[in-house]
């Protein structure tokens, strides 16, 4: 029967745009790193975006790092 087999990886079946992926990374980093040291956050953002194959201008990453550092820590970011 056609259509009853999985012929590609599960991730390849999803159609997330680059913008969706970038937003997801930022949300996760906000949860993980809110209120922490800006330099640490910047390093983490650079690594996560590089791992995901996303090229983001360093000025933009610095702005996000500054914003995330200014957020109130939560249960995830206190660990």
Protein backbone atom coordinates (compact mmCIF):
# COMPACT_ATOMS: atom_id res chain seq x y z
CA UNK A 1 0.00 0.00 0.00
CA UNK A 2 1.26 3.45 -0.87
CA UNK A 3 1.50 6.00 1.92
CA UNK A 4 1.76 3.46 4.73
CA UNK A 5 5.52 3.69 5.15
CA UNK A 6 7.76 6.33 6.60
CA UNK A 7 10.26 7.12 3.86
CA UNK A 8 12.00 10.11 5.41
CA UNK A 9 13.05 11.23 8.90
CA UNK A 10 10.26 12.61 11.06
CA UNK A 11 11.95 16.03 11.22
CA UNK A 12 12.06 16.21 7.42
CA UNK A 13 8.29 15.85 7.36
CA UNK A 14 7.79 19.04 9.35
CA UNK A 15 7.72 22.30 7.48
CA UNK A 16 8.88 24.95 9.93
CA UNK A 17 10.16 28.17 8.45
CA UNK A 18 13.51 29.59 9.46
CA UNK A 19 11.67 32.33 11.33
CA UNK A 20 9.74 29.70 13.31
CA UNK A 21 12.95 27.86 14.17
CA UNK A 22 14.70 31.07 15.25
CA UNK A 23 11.72 32.05 17.39
CA UNK A 24 11.73 28.61 18.99
CA UNK A 25 15.41 28.86 19.83
CA UNK A 26 14.88 32.29 21.38
CA UNK A 27 11.95 31.07 23.47
CA UNK A 28 13.96 28.14 24.76
CA UNK A 29 16.94 30.32 25.60
CA UNK A 30 14.68 32.78 27.41
CA UNK A 31 13.34 29.95 29.55
CA UNK A 32 16.79 28.49 30.20
CA UNK A 33 18.84 31.65 30.71
CA UNK A 34 16.57 34.47 31.92
CA UNK A 35 18.39 36.80 34.29
CA UNK A 36 21.80 35.22 33.79
CA UNK A 37 25.06 36.86 32.70
CA UNK A 38 24.77 38.58 29.30
CA UNK A 39 28.10 37.17 28.04
CA UNK A 40 27.02 33.63 28.93
CA UNK A 41 23.72 34.14 27.13
CA UNK A 42 25.47 35.55 24.05
CA UNK A 43 27.76 32.51 23.88
CA UNK A 44 24.77 30.18 24.23
CA UNK A 45 22.84 32.00 21.50
CA UNK A 46 25.79 31.87 19.11
CA UNK A 47 26.19 28.14 19.73
CA UNK A 48 22.49 27.29 19.40
CA UNK A 49 22.06 29.23 16.17
CA UNK A 50 25.25 27.76 14.70
CA UNK A 51 24.11 24.25 15.66
CA UNK A 52 20.80 24.90 13.94
CA UNK A 53 22.49 26.20 10.81
CA UNK A 54 21.12 29.72 11.26
CA UNK A 55 23.20 32.79 10.54
CA UNK A 56 22.11 35.65 12.75
CA UNK A 57 23.89 39.01 12.82
CA UNK A 58 26.01 39.38 15.95
CA UNK A 59 24.42 42.75 16.73
CA UNK A 60 21.01 41.08 16.80
CA UNK A 61 22.35 38.31 19.05
CA UNK A 62 23.79 40.92 21.42
CA UNK A 63 20.40 42.65 21.61
CA UNK A 64 18.68 39.37 22.43
CA UNK A 65 21.35 38.50 25.02
CA UNK A 66 20.84 41.89 26.72
CA UNK A 67 17.06 41.44 26.68
CA UNK A 68 17.22 37.88 28.06
CA UNK A 69 19.68 38.94 30.78
CA UNK A 70 17.15 41.56 31.88
CA UNK A 71 14.30 39.06 32.25
CA UNK A 72 13.21 37.77 35.64
CA UNK A 73 14.68 34.32 36.32
CA UNK A 74 12.20 31.44 36.35
CA UNK A 75 12.33 27.81 37.47
CA UNK A 76 14.26 26.74 34.37
CA UNK A 77 16.83 29.54 34.45
CA UNK A 78 17.61 29.14 38.18
CA UNK A 79 19.23 25.74 37.65
